[in-house]
C-alpha atoms as a PDB file:
ATOM      1  CA  UNK A   1       0.093   0.120   0.083  1.00  0.00           C
ATOM      2  CA  UNK A   2       1.219   3.470  -0.650  1.00  0.00           C
ATOM      3  CA  UNK A   3       0.198   5.265   2.209  1.00  0.00           C
ATOM      4  CA  UNK A   4      -2.133   8.028   1.575  1.00  0.00           C
ATOM      5  CA  UNK A   5      -2.897   7.080  -2.157  1.00  0.00           C
ATOM      6  CA  UNK A   6      -5.058   4.404  -3.567  1.00  0.00           C
ATOM      7  CA  UNK A   7      -3.365   1.764  -5.667  1.00  0.00           C
ATOM      8  CA  UNK A   8      -4.861  -1.110  -7.592  1.00  0.00           C
ATOM      9  CA  UNK A   9      -4.264  -4.107  -5.567  1.00  0.00           C
ATOM     10  CA  UNK A  10      -4.983  -2.490  -2.236  1.00  0.00           C
ATOM     11  CA  UNK A  11      -6.786  -4.458   0.035  1.00  0.00           C
ATOM     12  CA  UNK A  12     -10.024  -2.870   1.422  1.00  0.00           C
ATOM     13  CA  UNK A  13     -11.535  -3.830   5.022  1.00  0.00           C
ATOM     14  CA  UNK A  14     -14.941  -1.895   4.453  1.00  0.00           C
ATOM     15  CA  UNK A  15     -16.926  -0.287   1.608  1.00  0.00           C
ATOM     16  CA  UNK A  16     -20.457   0.051   0.579  1.00  0.00           C
ATOM     17  CA  UNK A  17     -20.020  -3.372  -1.171  1.00  0.00           C
ATOM     18  CA  UNK A  18     -17.926  -4.623   2.032  1.00  0.00           C
ATOM     19  CA  UNK A  19     -14.699  -5.997   1.898  1.00  0.00           C
ATOM     20  CA  UNK A  20     -12.593  -6.549  -1.211  1.00  0.00           C
ATOM     21  CA  UNK A  21      -9.714  -5.290  -3.269  1.00  0.00           C
ATOM     22  CA  UNK A  22      -9.143  -2.071  -5.390  1.00  0.00           C
ATOM     23  CA  UNK A  23      -9.776  -3.153  -9.129  1.00  0.00           C
ATOM     24  CA  UNK A  24      -9.632  -0.084 -10.738  1.00  0.00           C
ATOM     25  CA  UNK A  25      -9.663   4.084 -10.488  1.00  0.00           C
ATOM     26  CA  UNK A  26     -12.332   5.602 -12.343  1.00  0.00           C
ATOM     27  CA  UNK A  27     -11.691   8.631 -14.538  1.00  0.00           C
ATOM     28  CA  UNK A  28     -13.298  10.627 -12.049  1.00  0.00           C
ATOM     29  CA  UNK A  29     -10.899   9.316  -9.496  1.00  0.00           C
ATOM     30  CA  UNK A  30     -13.145   7.153  -7.646  1.00  0.00           C
ATOM     31  CA  UNK A  31     -11.837   3.559  -6.609  1.00  0.00           C
ATOM     32  CA  UNK A  32     -13.466   0.509  -7.750  1.00  0.00           C
ATOM     33  CA  UNK A  33     -13.820  -2.541  -5.154  1.00  0.00           C
ATOM     34  CA  UNK A  34     -14.235  -5.670  -7.223  1.00  0.00           C
ATOM     35  CA  UNK A  35     -14.929  -3.824  -9.960  1.00  0.00           C
ATOM     36  CA  UNK A  36     -17.800  -1.457  -8.884  1.00  0.00           C
ATOM     37  CA  UNK A  37     -16.945   2.119  -8.459  1.00  0.00           C
ATOM     38  CA  UNK A  38     -17.391   2.923  -4.861  1.00  0.00           C
ATOM     39  CA  UNK A  39     -17.723   6.683  -3.058  1.00  0.00           C
ATOM     40  CA  UNK A  40     -15.926   5.460   0.156  1.00  0.00           C
ATOM     41  CA  UNK A  41     -13.793   2.751   1.440  1.00  0.00           C
ATOM     42  CA  UNK A  42     -11.405   1.960   4.180  1.00  0.00           C
ATOM     43  CA  UNK A  43      -8.481   0.142   3.802  1.00  0.00           C
ATOM     44  CA  UNK A  44      -6.758  -2.585   5.805  1.00  0.00           C
ATOM     45  CA  UNK A  45      -4.039  -0.248   7.014  1.00  0.00           C
ATOM     46  CA  UNK A  46      -7.046   2.154   8.181  1.00  0.00           C
ATOM     47  CA  UNK A  47      -6.462   4.898   5.830  1.00  0.00           C
ATOM     48  CA  UNK A  48     -10.079   6.146   4.766  1.00  0.00           C
ATOM     49  CA  UNK A  49     -11.337   7.362   1.144  1.00  0.00           C
ATOM     50  CA  UNK A  50     -14.320   9.508   1.703  1.00  0.00           C
ATOM     51  CA  UNK A  51     -14.094  12.680  -0.617  1.00  0.00           C
ATOM     52  CA  UNK A  52     -17.666  13.538  -0.047  1.00  0.00           C
ATOM     53  CA  UNK A  53     -18.448  12.853   3.729  1.00  0.00           C
ATOM     54  CA  UNK A  54     -20.587  10.142   3.063  1.00  0.00           C
ATOM     55  CA  UNK A  55     -19.031   7.071   4.923  1.00  0.00           C
ATOM     56  CA  UNK A  56     -20.623   8.061   8.243  1.00  0.00           C
ATOM     57  CA  UNK A  57     -24.022   8.380   7.243  1.00  0.00           C
ATOM     58  CA  UNK A  58     -23.788   4.962   5.306  1.00  0.00           C
ATOM     59  CA  UNK A  59     -22.604   3.700   8.615  1.00  0.00           C
ATOM     60  CA  UNK A  60     -25.176   4.712  10.443  1.00  0.00           C
ATOM     61  CA  UNK A  61     -27.870   3.516   7.883  1.00  0.00           C
ATOM     62  CA  UNK A  62     -26.253  -0.083   7.994  1.00  0.00           C
ATOM     63  CA  UNK A  63     -26.148   0.031  11.896  1.00  0.00           C
ATOM     64  CA  UNK A  64     -30.154   0.836  12.071  1.00  0.00           C
ATOM     65  CA  UNK A  65     -30.847  -1.820   9.340  1.00  0.00           C
ATOM     66  CA  UNK A  66     -29.141  -4.581  11.630  1.00  0.00           C
ATOM     67  CA  UNK A  67     -31.149  -3.240  14.752  1.00  0.00           C
ATOM     68  CA  UNK A  68     -34.333  -3.659  12.624  1.00  0.00           C
ATOM     69  CA  UNK A  69     -33.661  -7.428  12.051  1.00  0.00           C
END
């Protein structure tokens, strides 16, 4: 892993799709996890990519869904 920069092959601990691997970077600069573009991710080393600040809202929605089950 390259510190603050995302690279293809980086291990992903969490994203809207769950865990996986960075497989590509879109022309707009968003990472693809397992070939699907995502708005945020957390790498295995704890580095977070969240340029639009949507991660916390998504995690709160995920937690709320789990509580409802």
